[in-house]
């Protein structure tokens, strides 16, 4: 099983639940040079959507966010797994975390259609270092 796992930071941003809100924010960040490793959007209440931004460079996002008046909630820690897509790939990652006694409280992943996958794993802050250590050999 070939995969790379790394610690990443993410930020929450709440936007109005309207078709243009996420597009506008992502376009603005892109135009300001912020590259994303991952992104998700989830409704969190009446007429609100919570965006999770996983920047390649957290300090760049924070700087740009301050300049643009974007309220960022974070940084929060997570794991980003990228690897070769094969039967049981995610089960193997979870087995390592289970052996280390790490509780995964949320995750999201996708196969890229070219034989690879990306997978974000959310663990509680106190367990992040234990989760990272589970994959250091």
N, C-alpha and C. Protein backbone atom coordinates (compact mmCIF):
# COMPACT_ATOMS: atom_id res chain seq x y z
N UNK A 1 0.86 -1.18 0.00
CA UNK A 1 0.00 0.00 0.00
C UNK A 1 0.90 1.23 0.00
N UNK A 2 0.82 2.00 -1.06
CA UNK A 2 1.62 3.22 -1.16
C UNK A 2 0.73 4.42 -0.87
N UNK A 3 1.08 5.15 0.21
CA UNK A 3 0.36 6.37 0.49
C UNK A 3 1.26 7.33 1.24
N UNK A 4 0.89 8.58 1.20
CA UNK A 4 1.60 9.63 1.93
C UNK A 4 0.59 10.24 2.89
N UNK A 5 1.00 10.44 4.12
CA UNK A 5 0.12 11.05 5.11
C UNK A 5 0.85 12.24 5.72
N UNK A 6 0.11 13.31 5.88
CA UNK A 6 0.73 14.50 6.48
C UNK A 6 -0.29 15.27 7.30
N UNK A 7 0.25 15.99 8.24
CA UNK A 7 -0.57 16.88 9.07
C UNK A 7 -0.88 18.12 8.25
N UNK A 8 -2.14 18.54 8.28
CA UNK A 8 -2.55 19.75 7.58
C UNK A 8 -3.37 20.62 8.53
N UNK A 9 -3.51 21.86 8.16
CA UNK A 9 -4.36 22.77 8.93
C UNK A 9 -5.56 23.16 8.07
N UNK A 10 -6.68 23.38 8.75
CA UNK A 10 -7.86 23.82 8.04
C UNK A 10 -8.56 24.91 8.83
N UNK A 11 -9.41 25.65 8.13
CA UNK A 11 -10.12 26.79 8.67
C UNK A 11 -11.57 26.70 8.26
N UNK A 12 -12.44 27.16 9.14
CA UNK A 12 -13.86 27.26 8.81
C UNK A 12 -14.18 28.70 8.43
N UNK A 13 -15.07 28.84 7.46
CA UNK A 13 -15.63 30.14 7.09
C UNK A 13 -17.11 29.92 6.88
N UNK A 14 -17.94 30.73 7.51
CA UNK A 14 -19.39 30.65 7.29
C UNK A 14 -19.79 31.66 6.24
N UNK A 15 -20.63 31.21 5.31
CA UNK A 15 -21.12 32.08 4.23
C UNK A 15 -22.63 31.90 4.11
N UNK A 16 -23.29 32.87 3.53
CA UNK A 16 -24.73 32.71 3.28
C UNK A 16 -24.97 31.53 2.33
N UNK A 17 -26.06 30.82 2.56
CA UNK A 17 -26.40 29.69 1.69
C UNK A 17 -27.04 30.22 0.41
N UNK A 18 -26.17 30.53 -0.54
CA UNK A 18 -26.62 30.99 -1.85
C UNK A 18 -25.62 30.49 -2.88
N UNK A 19 -26.05 30.28 -4.09
CA UNK A 19 -25.19 29.65 -5.10
C UNK A 19 -23.85 30.33 -5.32
N UNK A 20 -23.77 31.63 -5.17
CA UNK A 20 -22.53 32.33 -5.51
C UNK A 20 -21.54 32.44 -4.35
N UNK A 21 -21.95 32.15 -3.12
CA UNK A 21 -21.09 32.44 -1.96
C UNK A 21 -19.79 31.66 -1.97
N UNK A 22 -19.85 30.34 -2.10
CA UNK A 22 -18.62 29.54 -2.11
C UNK A 22 -17.77 29.87 -3.33
N UNK A 23 -18.42 30.00 -4.47
CA UNK A 23 -17.70 30.33 -5.70
C UNK A 23 -16.96 31.66 -5.56
N UNK A 24 -17.63 32.65 -5.01
CA UNK A 24 -17.02 33.98 -4.85
C UNK A 24 -15.80 33.91 -3.94
N UNK A 25 -15.94 33.21 -2.81
CA UNK A 25 -14.82 33.12 -1.87
C UNK A 25 -13.65 32.35 -2.48
N UNK A 26 -13.92 31.21 -3.10
CA UNK A 26 -12.85 30.42 -3.71
C UNK A 26 -12.17 31.18 -4.83
N UNK A 27 -12.93 31.92 -5.62
CA UNK A 27 -12.36 32.72 -6.70
C UNK A 27 -11.46 33.81 -6.13
N UNK A 28 -11.95 34.49 -5.10
CA UNK A 28 -11.15 35.55 -4.47
C UNK A 28 -9.84 35.00 -3.92
N UNK A 29 -9.91 33.89 -3.21
CA UNK A 29 -8.70 33.30 -2.64
C UNK A 29 -7.72 32.87 -3.73
N UNK A 30 -8.24 32.29 -4.79
CA UNK A 30 -7.40 31.87 -5.90
C UNK A 30 -6.71 33.08 -6.54
N UNK A 31 -7.46 34.13 -6.77
CA UNK A 31 -6.89 35.34 -7.38
C UNK A 31 -5.83 35.98 -6.48
N UNK A 32 -5.92 35.73 -5.17
CA UNK A 32 -4.94 36.27 -4.23
C UNK A 32 -3.79 35.30 -3.98
N UNK A 33 -3.77 34.18 -4.73
CA UNK A 33 -2.64 33.26 -4.68
C UNK A 33 -2.71 32.17 -3.63
N UNK A 34 -3.90 31.91 -3.09
CA UNK A 34 -4.04 30.86 -2.09
C UNK A 34 -4.41 29.56 -2.79
N UNK A 35 -3.57 28.55 -2.63
CA UNK A 35 -3.80 27.24 -3.24
C UNK A 35 -4.40 26.30 -2.18
N UNK A 36 -5.42 25.55 -2.57
CA UNK A 36 -6.10 24.64 -1.64
C UNK A 36 -5.68 23.19 -1.86
N UNK A 37 -5.49 22.49 -0.76
CA UNK A 37 -5.26 21.05 -0.80
C UNK A 37 -6.59 20.30 -0.80
N UNK A 38 -7.57 20.85 -0.09
CA UNK A 38 -8.90 20.23 0.01
C UNK A 38 -9.90 21.32 0.37
N UNK A 39 -11.17 20.98 0.16
CA UNK A 39 -12.26 21.92 0.42
C UNK A 39 -13.53 21.11 0.64
N UNK A 40 -14.37 21.58 1.55
CA UNK A 40 -15.71 20.99 1.68
C UNK A 40 -16.68 22.08 2.10
N UNK A 41 -17.96 21.83 1.83
CA UNK A 41 -19.03 22.76 2.19
C UNK A 41 -20.17 21.94 2.78
N UNK A 42 -20.68 22.40 3.93
CA UNK A 42 -21.75 21.69 4.62
C UNK A 42 -22.75 22.71 5.16
N UNK A 43 -24.04 22.48 4.95
CA UNK A 43 -25.03 23.39 5.53
C UNK A 43 -25.00 23.26 7.06
N UNK A 44 -25.08 24.39 7.75
CA UNK A 44 -25.00 24.36 9.22
C UNK A 44 -26.19 25.03 9.90
N UNK A 45 -27.14 25.44 9.16
CA UNK A 45 -28.31 26.07 9.76
C UNK A 45 -29.11 26.74 8.68
N UNK A 46 -30.15 27.41 9.11
CA UNK A 46 -30.97 28.08 8.11
C UNK A 46 -30.15 29.13 7.36
N UNK A 47 -30.02 28.90 6.10
CA UNK A 47 -29.39 29.87 5.21
C UNK A 47 -27.90 30.11 5.49
N UNK A 48 -27.20 29.14 6.10
CA UNK A 48 -25.76 29.25 6.34
C UNK A 48 -25.06 28.00 5.85
N UNK A 49 -23.87 28.18 5.29
CA UNK A 49 -23.03 27.07 4.87
C UNK A 49 -21.67 27.26 5.50
N UNK A 50 -21.11 26.17 6.00
CA UNK A 50 -19.77 26.22 6.58
C UNK A 50 -18.79 25.63 5.57
N UNK A 51 -17.83 26.43 5.18
CA UNK A 51 -16.78 25.99 4.27
C UNK A 51 -15.57 25.58 5.09
N UNK A 52 -14.97 24.46 4.74
CA UNK A 52 -13.72 24.03 5.35
C UNK A 52 -12.63 24.20 4.31
N UNK A 53 -11.67 25.05 4.62
CA UNK A 53 -10.58 25.38 3.69
C UNK A 53 -9.29 24.75 4.18
N UNK A 54 -8.66 23.98 3.34
CA UNK A 54 -7.39 23.32 3.65
C UNK A 54 -6.32 23.93 2.74
N UNK A 55 -5.68 25.01 3.18
CA UNK A 55 -4.72 25.68 2.30
C UNK A 55 -3.39 24.95 2.25
N UNK A 56 -2.72 25.10 1.12
CA UNK A 56 -1.38 24.56 1.01
C UNK A 56 -0.44 25.34 1.93
N UNK A 57 -0.68 26.64 2.09
CA UNK A 57 0.14 27.50 2.93
C UNK A 57 -0.78 28.26 3.90
N UNK A 58 -0.82 27.81 5.16
CA UNK A 58 -1.72 28.41 6.15
C UNK A 58 -1.42 29.87 6.40
N UNK A 59 -0.14 30.23 6.47
CA UNK A 59 0.19 31.63 6.76
C UNK A 59 -0.28 32.54 5.62
N UNK A 60 -0.23 32.05 4.39
CA UNK A 60 -0.72 32.84 3.25
C UNK A 60 -2.23 33.06 3.36
N UNK A 61 -2.98 32.00 3.71
CA UNK A 61 -4.42 32.14 3.87
C UNK A 61 -4.74 33.12 4.99
N UNK A 62 -4.04 33.02 6.11
CA UNK A 62 -4.29 33.93 7.23
C UNK A 62 -4.01 35.37 6.85
N UNK A 63 -2.92 35.60 6.16
CA UNK A 63 -2.56 36.96 5.74
C UNK A 63 -3.59 37.52 4.76
N UNK A 64 -3.92 36.74 3.75
CA UNK A 64 -4.90 37.15 2.76
C UNK A 64 -6.27 37.35 3.42
N UNK A 65 -6.62 36.46 4.33
CA UNK A 65 -7.90 36.56 5.03
C UNK A 65 -8.01 37.86 5.81
N UNK A 66 -6.94 38.23 6.52
CA UNK A 66 -6.95 39.50 7.27
C UNK A 66 -7.12 40.68 6.32
N UNK A 67 -6.36 40.68 5.24
CA UNK A 67 -6.42 41.79 4.28
C UNK A 67 -7.78 41.90 3.62
N UNK A 68 -8.42 40.76 3.36
CA UNK A 68 -9.71 40.77 2.66
C UNK A 68 -10.90 40.83 3.62
N UNK A 69 -10.64 40.84 4.93
CA UNK A 69 -11.72 40.89 5.90
C UNK A 69 -12.51 39.60 6.01
N UNK A 70 -11.85 38.48 5.74
CA UNK A 70 -12.50 37.17 5.83
C UNK A 70 -12.28 36.62 7.23
N UNK A 71 -13.36 36.31 7.95
CA UNK A 71 -13.24 35.76 9.29
C UNK A 71 -12.94 34.26 9.20
N UNK A 72 -11.74 33.88 9.61
CA UNK A 72 -11.31 32.48 9.59
C UNK A 72 -11.37 31.91 11.00
N UNK A 73 -12.01 30.78 11.15
CA UNK A 73 -12.01 30.05 12.42
C UNK A 73 -10.97 28.95 12.29
N UNK A 74 -9.87 29.12 13.00
CA UNK A 74 -8.79 28.14 12.91
C UNK A 74 -7.46 28.79 13.21
N UNK A 75 -6.40 28.07 13.06
CA UNK A 75 -6.31 26.78 12.39
C UNK A 75 -6.69 25.60 13.30
N UNK A 76 -7.17 24.56 12.64
CA UNK A 76 -7.47 23.28 13.28
C UNK A 76 -6.61 22.24 12.57
N UNK A 77 -6.28 21.16 13.27
CA UNK A 77 -5.43 20.13 12.68
C UNK A 77 -6.20 18.95 12.15
N UNK A 78 -5.68 18.35 11.08
CA UNK A 78 -6.25 17.14 10.50
C UNK A 78 -5.11 16.39 9.80
N UNK A 79 -5.45 15.25 9.24
CA UNK A 79 -4.51 14.48 8.45
C UNK A 79 -4.99 14.43 7.01
N UNK A 80 -4.08 14.54 6.08
CA UNK A 80 -4.39 14.38 4.67
C UNK A 80 -3.63 13.15 4.19
N UNK A 81 -4.38 12.19 3.68
CA UNK A 81 -3.80 10.96 3.14
C UNK A 81 -3.98 11.00 1.63
N UNK A 82 -2.91 10.75 0.90
CA UNK A 82 -2.98 10.65 -0.55
C UNK A 82 -2.25 9.37 -0.93
N UNK A 83 -2.88 8.56 -1.76
CA UNK A 83 -2.25 7.30 -2.07
C UNK A 83 -2.79 6.62 -3.30
N UNK A 84 -2.29 5.41 -3.51
CA UNK A 84 -2.73 4.57 -4.61
C UNK A 84 -4.05 3.93 -4.23
N UNK A 85 -5.02 4.07 -5.10
CA UNK A 85 -6.34 3.50 -4.84
C UNK A 85 -6.28 2.00 -5.06
N UNK A 86 -6.63 1.27 -4.01
CA UNK A 86 -6.69 -0.19 -4.08
C UNK A 86 -7.74 -0.67 -3.10
N UNK A 87 -8.22 -1.85 -3.30
CA UNK A 87 -9.22 -2.41 -2.42
C UNK A 87 -8.70 -2.41 -0.98
N UNK A 88 -9.47 -1.81 -0.07
CA UNK A 88 -9.11 -1.80 1.34
C UNK A 88 -8.13 -0.72 1.76
N UNK A 89 -7.82 0.21 0.87
CA UNK A 89 -6.82 1.24 1.21
C UNK A 89 -7.23 2.03 2.44
N UNK A 90 -8.48 2.46 2.51
CA UNK A 90 -8.92 3.25 3.67
C UNK A 90 -9.02 2.39 4.92
N UNK A 91 -9.39 1.15 4.76
CA UNK A 91 -9.45 0.24 5.91
C UNK A 91 -8.08 0.08 6.54
N UNK A 92 -7.04 0.03 5.72
CA UNK A 92 -5.67 -0.11 6.24
C UNK A 92 -5.26 1.14 7.02
N UNK A 93 -5.63 2.30 6.52
CA UNK A 93 -5.32 3.55 7.23
C UNK A 93 -6.04 3.56 8.58
N UNK A 94 -7.32 3.20 8.59
CA UNK A 94 -8.08 3.17 9.83
C UNK A 94 -7.57 2.12 10.80
N UNK A 95 -7.08 1.00 10.28
CA UNK A 95 -6.53 -0.04 11.15
C UNK A 95 -5.30 0.48 11.90
N UNK A 96 -4.46 1.24 11.22
CA UNK A 96 -3.28 1.83 11.88
C UNK A 96 -3.70 2.79 12.99
N UNK A 97 -4.70 3.61 12.70
CA UNK A 97 -5.19 4.55 13.71
C UNK A 97 -5.82 3.81 14.89
N UNK A 98 -6.56 2.76 14.60
CA UNK A 98 -7.17 1.97 15.67
C UNK A 98 -6.10 1.35 16.56
N UNK A 99 -5.04 0.79 15.94
CA UNK A 99 -3.94 0.19 16.73
C UNK A 99 -3.29 1.24 17.64
N UNK A 100 -3.26 2.48 17.18
CA UNK A 100 -2.66 3.56 17.97
C UNK A 100 -3.63 4.13 19.00
N UNK A 101 -4.87 3.64 19.00
CA UNK A 101 -5.87 4.13 19.95
C UNK A 101 -6.43 5.50 19.60
N UNK A 102 -6.44 5.83 18.31
CA UNK A 102 -6.92 7.14 17.85
C UNK A 102 -8.36 7.00 17.38
N UNK A 103 -9.22 7.88 17.87
CA UNK A 103 -10.62 7.91 17.47
C UNK A 103 -10.80 8.90 16.32
N UNK A 104 -11.23 8.43 15.18
CA UNK A 104 -11.55 9.29 14.04
C UNK A 104 -12.97 9.78 14.26
N UNK A 105 -13.17 11.10 14.26
CA UNK A 105 -14.53 11.59 14.47
C UNK A 105 -15.19 12.07 13.19
N UNK A 106 -14.43 12.24 12.12
CA UNK A 106 -15.01 12.56 10.82
C UNK A 106 -13.95 12.30 9.76
N UNK A 107 -14.42 12.07 8.53
CA UNK A 107 -13.49 11.89 7.43
C UNK A 107 -14.23 12.12 6.11
N UNK A 108 -13.45 12.37 5.08
CA UNK A 108 -14.03 12.57 3.76
C UNK A 108 -12.96 12.23 2.73
N UNK A 109 -13.36 11.49 1.70
CA UNK A 109 -12.37 11.11 0.71
C UNK A 109 -12.98 10.95 -0.66
N UNK A 110 -12.10 10.84 -1.64
CA UNK A 110 -12.54 10.65 -3.01
C UNK A 110 -11.42 9.97 -3.81
N UNK A 111 -11.83 9.07 -4.70
CA UNK A 111 -10.89 8.50 -5.67
C UNK A 111 -10.76 9.49 -6.82
N UNK A 112 -9.57 9.60 -7.37
CA UNK A 112 -9.37 10.60 -8.42
C UNK A 112 -9.67 10.10 -9.83
N UNK A 113 -10.02 8.82 -9.97
CA UNK A 113 -10.33 8.28 -11.29
C UNK A 113 -9.12 7.91 -12.11
N UNK A 114 -7.92 8.12 -11.54
CA UNK A 114 -6.68 7.79 -12.24
C UNK A 114 -5.82 6.82 -11.43
N UNK A 115 -6.46 6.19 -10.43
CA UNK A 115 -5.73 5.22 -9.62
C UNK A 115 -5.24 5.75 -8.29
N UNK A 116 -5.63 6.95 -7.93
CA UNK A 116 -5.22 7.52 -6.66
C UNK A 116 -6.42 7.97 -5.86
N UNK A 117 -6.18 8.38 -4.62
CA UNK A 117 -7.25 8.90 -3.78
C UNK A 117 -6.69 9.97 -2.85
N UNK A 118 -7.59 10.80 -2.33
CA UNK A 118 -7.28 11.76 -1.28
C UNK A 118 -8.28 11.55 -0.17
N UNK A 119 -7.84 11.69 1.06
CA UNK A 119 -8.68 11.37 2.20
C UNK A 119 -8.30 12.30 3.36
N UNK A 120 -9.28 13.03 3.87
CA UNK A 120 -9.05 13.91 5.02
C UNK A 120 -9.60 13.21 6.26
N UNK A 121 -8.79 13.17 7.30
CA UNK A 121 -9.18 12.53 8.55
C UNK A 121 -9.15 13.57 9.66
N UNK A 122 -10.28 13.72 10.32
CA UNK A 122 -10.40 14.65 11.43
C UNK A 122 -10.28 13.86 12.74
N UNK A 123 -9.37 14.27 13.60
CA UNK A 123 -9.25 13.70 14.94
C UNK A 123 -9.27 14.85 15.93
N UNK A 124 -9.59 14.55 17.16
CA UNK A 124 -9.59 15.59 18.19
C UNK A 124 -8.17 16.12 18.37
N UNK A 125 -8.07 17.38 18.73
CA UNK A 125 -6.78 18.04 18.86
C UNK A 125 -5.78 17.29 19.70
N UNK A 126 -6.23 16.73 20.82
CA UNK A 126 -5.33 16.02 21.73
C UNK A 126 -4.79 14.73 21.11
N UNK A 127 -5.46 14.21 20.09
CA UNK A 127 -5.03 12.94 19.49
C UNK A 127 -4.25 13.12 18.19
N UNK A 128 -4.08 14.35 17.73
CA UNK A 128 -3.44 14.57 16.45
C UNK A 128 -2.00 14.05 16.42
N UNK A 129 -1.23 14.35 17.43
CA UNK A 129 0.17 13.88 17.46
C UNK A 129 0.24 12.36 17.52
N UNK A 130 -0.66 11.75 18.26
CA UNK A 130 -0.70 10.28 18.33
C UNK A 130 -1.05 9.70 16.96
N UNK A 131 -1.94 10.36 16.25
CA UNK A 131 -2.33 9.91 14.91
C UNK A 131 -1.15 10.02 13.94
N UNK A 132 -0.44 11.12 13.99
CA UNK A 132 0.72 11.31 13.12
C UNK A 132 1.78 10.26 13.45
N UNK A 133 2.02 10.03 14.73
CA UNK A 133 3.02 9.04 15.15
C UNK A 133 2.68 7.63 14.71
N UNK A 134 1.40 7.33 14.51
CA UNK A 134 1.01 5.99 14.07
C UNK A 134 1.58 5.65 12.70
N UNK A 135 1.93 6.66 11.92
CA UNK A 135 2.41 6.42 10.56
C UNK A 135 3.89 6.67 10.38
N UNK A 136 4.58 7.06 11.44
CA UNK A 136 6.02 7.28 11.36
C UNK A 136 6.70 5.97 11.70
N UNK A 137 7.51 5.49 10.79
CA UNK A 137 8.19 4.20 11.01
C UNK A 137 9.64 4.38 11.28
